[in-house]
């Protein structure tokens, strides 16, 4: 199942706008419907104004009308897998429970899978506001 996510994330990564870092990142999220949404990082000359690939994938999912993530994959261009940044971990948590799998991949495939709870222990989510 992660193969579909990897294909979508790699395709999105190729469209990344990373003229400053040259570090292209792709991400894919699977919504509750089973549909996959890809996203890429988009850098900006005003550095803090860029967005991460995971954020772009989540925005595509929400824009399509879905509100629940059941699986995530992130892929960079390095030989080592990359993990979602802290901000993206929290953004994922907004739409996912702590037990969803988050796959970290290289162009060669998935190298590491962790639950969101392992990446963001003792997280604060929407249910904490109920």
C-alpha atoms as a PDB file:
ATOM      1  CA  UNK A   1       0.000   0.000   0.000  1.00  0.00           C
ATOM      2  CA  UNK A   2       2.872   2.374   0.698  1.00  0.00           C
ATOM      3  CA  UNK A   3       4.001   1.900  -2.922  1.00  0.00           C
ATOM      4  CA  UNK A   4       1.093   4.034  -4.150  1.00  0.00           C
ATOM      5  CA  UNK A   5       1.976   6.721  -1.634  1.00  0.00           C
ATOM      6  CA  UNK A   6       5.635   6.612  -2.677  1.00  0.00           C
ATOM      7  CA  UNK A   7       4.721   7.031  -6.350  1.00  0.00           C
ATOM      8  CA  UNK A   8       2.510  10.028  -5.565  1.00  0.00           C
ATOM      9  CA  UNK A   9       5.113  11.599  -3.266  1.00  0.00           C
ATOM     10  CA  UNK A  10       7.934  11.138  -5.789  1.00  0.00           C
ATOM     11  CA  UNK A  11       5.818  12.637  -8.562  1.00  0.00           C
ATOM     12  CA  UNK A  12       4.983  15.627  -6.358  1.00  0.00           C
ATOM     13  CA  UNK A  13       8.633  15.981  -5.306  1.00  0.00           C
ATOM     14  CA  UNK A  14       9.637  16.426  -8.943  1.00  0.00           C
ATOM     15  CA  UNK A  15       7.386  19.509  -9.083  1.00  0.00           C
ATOM     16  CA  UNK A  16       8.842  21.057  -5.903  1.00  0.00           C
ATOM     17  CA  UNK A  17       9.919  24.687  -6.017  1.00  0.00           C
ATOM     18  CA  UNK A  18      13.242  24.580  -4.157  1.00  0.00           C
ATOM     19  CA  UNK A  19      15.543  27.097  -5.879  1.00  0.00           C
ATOM     20  CA  UNK A  20      17.277  28.103  -2.617  1.00  0.00           C
ATOM     21  CA  UNK A  21      17.938  24.868  -0.741  1.00  0.00           C
ATOM     22  CA  UNK A  22      17.843  22.605  -3.812  1.00  0.00           C
ATOM     23  CA  UNK A  23      16.301  20.033  -1.427  1.00  0.00           C
ATOM     24  CA  UNK A  24      13.088  18.817  -3.030  1.00  0.00           C
ATOM     25  CA  UNK A  25      10.567  17.052  -0.812  1.00  0.00           C
ATOM     26  CA  UNK A  26       7.394  15.210  -1.729  1.00  0.00           C
ATOM     27  CA  UNK A  27       4.655  13.945   0.522  1.00  0.00           C
ATOM     28  CA  UNK A  28       1.480  11.976   0.111  1.00  0.00           C
ATOM     29  CA  UNK A  29      -1.428  11.462   2.461  1.00  0.00           C
ATOM     30  CA  UNK A  30      -4.146   8.866   2.140  1.00  0.00           C
ATOM     31  CA  UNK A  31      -7.572  10.123   3.092  1.00  0.00           C
ATOM     32  CA  UNK A  32     -10.244   8.005   4.732  1.00  0.00           C
ATOM     33  CA  UNK A  33     -11.789   7.446   1.287  1.00  0.00           C
ATOM     34  CA  UNK A  34      -8.560   5.738   0.173  1.00  0.00           C
ATOM     35  CA  UNK A  35      -7.755   8.556  -2.223  1.00  0.00           C
ATOM     36  CA  UNK A  36      -4.144   9.780  -2.238  1.00  0.00           C
ATOM     37  CA  UNK A  37      -3.164  13.450  -2.222  1.00  0.00           C
ATOM     38  CA  UNK A  38       0.353  14.597  -3.069  1.00  0.00           C
ATOM     39  CA  UNK A  39       2.196  17.760  -2.204  1.00  0.00           C
ATOM     40  CA  UNK A  40       5.655  19.287  -2.599  1.00  0.00           C
ATOM     41  CA  UNK A  41       7.693  21.877  -0.767  1.00  0.00           C
ATOM     42  CA  UNK A  42       7.445  25.404  -2.119  1.00  0.00           C
ATOM     43  CA  UNK A  43      10.244  27.746  -1.110  1.00  0.00           C
ATOM     44  CA  UNK A  44      10.021  31.526  -1.135  1.00  0.00           C
ATOM     45  CA  UNK A  45      12.688  34.222  -1.288  1.00  0.00           C
ATOM     46  CA  UNK A  46      11.322  35.363   2.090  1.00  0.00           C
ATOM     47  CA  UNK A  47      12.411  32.055   3.660  1.00  0.00           C
ATOM     48  CA  UNK A  48       9.844  31.638   6.434  1.00  0.00           C
ATOM     49  CA  UNK A  49       7.035  32.010   3.912  1.00  0.00           C
ATOM     50  CA  UNK A  50       7.650  28.665   2.195  1.00  0.00           C
ATOM     51  CA  UNK A  51       5.523  25.599   2.846  1.00  0.00           C
ATOM     52  CA  UNK A  52       6.382  21.985   3.476  1.00  0.00           C
ATOM     53  CA  UNK A  53       5.342  19.099   1.246  1.00  0.00           C
ATOM     54  CA  UNK A  54       3.181  17.596   3.999  1.00  0.00           C
ATOM     55  CA  UNK A  55       1.302  20.871   4.381  1.00  0.00           C
ATOM     56  CA  UNK A  56       0.675  20.997   0.628  1.00  0.00           C
ATOM     57  CA  UNK A  57      -0.609  17.404   0.608  1.00  0.00           C
ATOM     58  CA  UNK A  58      -2.921  18.091   3.552  1.00  0.00           C
ATOM     59  CA  UNK A  59      -4.218  21.229   1.816  1.00  0.00           C
ATOM     60  CA  UNK A  60      -4.984  19.200  -1.325  1.00  0.00           C
ATOM     61  CA  UNK A  61      -6.877  16.649   0.784  1.00  0.00           C
ATOM     62  CA  UNK A  62      -8.904  19.272   2.628  1.00  0.00           C
ATOM     63  CA  UNK A  63      -9.568  21.129  -0.635  1.00  0.00           C
ATOM     64  CA  UNK A  64     -11.035  17.909  -2.022  1.00  0.00           C
ATOM     65  CA  UNK A  65     -13.413  17.696   0.930  1.00  0.00           C
ATOM     66  CA  UNK A  66     -11.709  15.090   3.124  1.00  0.00           C
ATOM     67  CA  UNK A  67     -10.844  15.658   6.762  1.00  0.00           C
ATOM     68  CA  UNK A  68      -9.213  12.439   7.935  1.00  0.00           C
ATOM     69  CA  UNK A  69      -5.721  11.109   7.188  1.00  0.00           C
ATOM     70  CA  UNK A  70      -5.106   7.378   7.544  1.00  0.00           C
ATOM     71  CA  UNK A  71      -1.519   7.149   6.224  1.00  0.00           C
ATOM     72  CA  UNK A  72       1.374   9.500   5.378  1.00  0.00           C
ATOM     73  CA  UNK A  73       4.599   9.203   3.396  1.00  0.00           C
ATOM     74  CA  UNK A  74       7.390  11.759   3.008  1.00  0.00           C
ATOM     75  CA  UNK A  75      10.361  11.473   0.636  1.00  0.00           C
ATOM     76  CA  UNK A  76      13.369  13.679   0.014  1.00  0.00           C
ATOM     77  CA  UNK A  77      16.263  13.528  -2.388  1.00  0.00           C
ATOM     78  CA  UNK A  78      18.874  12.189   0.035  1.00  0.00           C
ATOM     79  CA  UNK A  79      20.086   8.665   0.709  1.00  0.00           C
ATOM     80  CA  UNK A  80      18.734   8.957   4.260  1.00  0.00           C
ATOM     81  CA  UNK A  81      15.000   9.135   4.985  1.00  0.00           C
ATOM     82  CA  UNK A  82      13.657  12.452   6.224  1.00  0.00           C
ATOM     83  CA  UNK A  83      10.987  12.933   8.843  1.00  0.00           C
ATOM     84  CA  UNK A  84       8.213  15.516   8.963  1.00  0.00           C
ATOM     85  CA  UNK A  85       9.239  18.700  10.781  1.00  0.00           C
ATOM     86  CA  UNK A  86       7.602  19.536  14.113  1.00  0.00           C
ATOM     87  CA  UNK A  87       5.055  21.860  12.547  1.00  0.00           C
ATOM     88  CA  UNK A  88       4.014  19.236  10.012  1.00  0.00           C
ATOM     89  CA  UNK A  89       3.722  16.607  12.729  1.00  0.00           C
ATOM     90  CA  UNK A  90       1.185  18.872  14.429  1.00  0.00           C
ATOM     91  CA  UNK A  91      -0.611  19.563  11.144  1.00  0.00           C
ATOM     92  CA  UNK A  92      -0.866  15.817  10.505  1.00  0.00           C
ATOM     93  CA  UNK A  93      -2.209  15.369  14.045  1.00  0.00           C
ATOM     94  CA  UNK A  94      -5.042  17.787  13.301  1.00  0.00           C
ATOM     95  CA  UNK A  95      -6.403  15.294  10.765  1.00  0.00           C
ATOM     96  CA  UNK A  96      -5.113  11.966  12.098  1.00  0.00           C
ATOM     97  CA  UNK A  97      -5.107   9.864  15.213  1.00  0.00           C
ATOM     98  CA  UNK A  98      -1.909   8.919  17.007  1.00  0.00           C
ATOM     99  CA  UNK A  99      -1.795   5.380  15.598  1.00  0.00           C
ATOM    100  CA  UNK A 100      -1.605   6.163  11.869  1.00  0.00           C
ATOM    101  CA  UNK A 101       1.545   5.052  10.066  1.00  0.00           C
ATOM    102  CA  UNK A 102       4.000   7.681   8.863  1.00  0.00           C
ATOM    103  CA  UNK A 103       6.450   6.308   6.296  1.00  0.00           C
ATOM    104  CA  UNK A 104       9.819   7.953   5.732  1.00  0.00           C
ATOM    105  CA  UNK A 105      11.320   7.097   2.363  1.00  0.00           C
ATOM    106  CA  UNK A 106      14.251   7.647   0.070  1.00  0.00           C
ATOM    107  CA  UNK A 107      13.940   7.463  -3.699  1.00  0.00           C
ATOM    108  CA  UNK A 108      14.665   3.725  -3.284  1.00  0.00           C
ATOM    109  CA  UNK A 109      11.616   3.096  -1.099  1.00  0.00           C
ATOM    110  CA  UNK A 110      10.319   3.174   2.459  1.00  0.00           C
ATOM    111  CA  UNK A 111      13.163   3.046   4.973  1.00  0.00           C
ATOM    112  CA  UNK A 112      11.324   3.661   8.239  1.00  0.00           C
ATOM    113  CA  UNK A 113       7.731   3.570   9.448  1.00  0.00           C
ATOM    114  CA  UNK A 114       6.605   5.012  12.772  1.00  0.00           C
ATOM    115  CA  UNK A 115       3.250   5.868  14.236  1.00  0.00           C
ATOM    116  CA  UNK A 116       2.342   9.506  14.620  1.00  0.00           C
ATOM    117  CA  UNK A 117       2.418   8.927  18.399  1.00  0.00           C
ATOM    118  CA  UNK A 118       6.062   7.879  18.133  1.00  0.00           C
ATOM    119  CA  UNK A 119       6.868  11.023  16.133  1.00  0.00           C
ATOM    120  CA  UNK A 120       4.736  13.333  18.292  1.00  0.00           C
ATOM    121  CA  UNK A 121       4.377  11.828  21.771  1.00  0.00           C
ATOM    122  CA  UNK A 122       1.771  13.251  24.157  1.00  0.00           C
ATOM    123  CA  UNK A 123       0.286  15.242  21.292  1.00  0.00           C
ATOM    124  CA  UNK A 124      -2.411  17.873  21.510  1.00  0.00           C
ATOM    125  CA  UNK A 125      -5.264  17.249  19.108  1.00  0.00           C
ATOM    126  CA  UNK A 126      -8.779  18.440  18.352  1.00  0.00           C
ATOM    127  CA  UNK A 127     -10.277  16.152  21.011  1.00  0.00           C
ATOM    128  CA  UNK A 128      -8.363  18.072  23.677  1.00  0.00           C
ATOM    129  CA  UNK A 129     -10.589  21.052  22.962  1.00  0.00           C
ATOM    130  CA  UNK A 130     -13.851  19.141  23.437  1.00  0.00           C
END
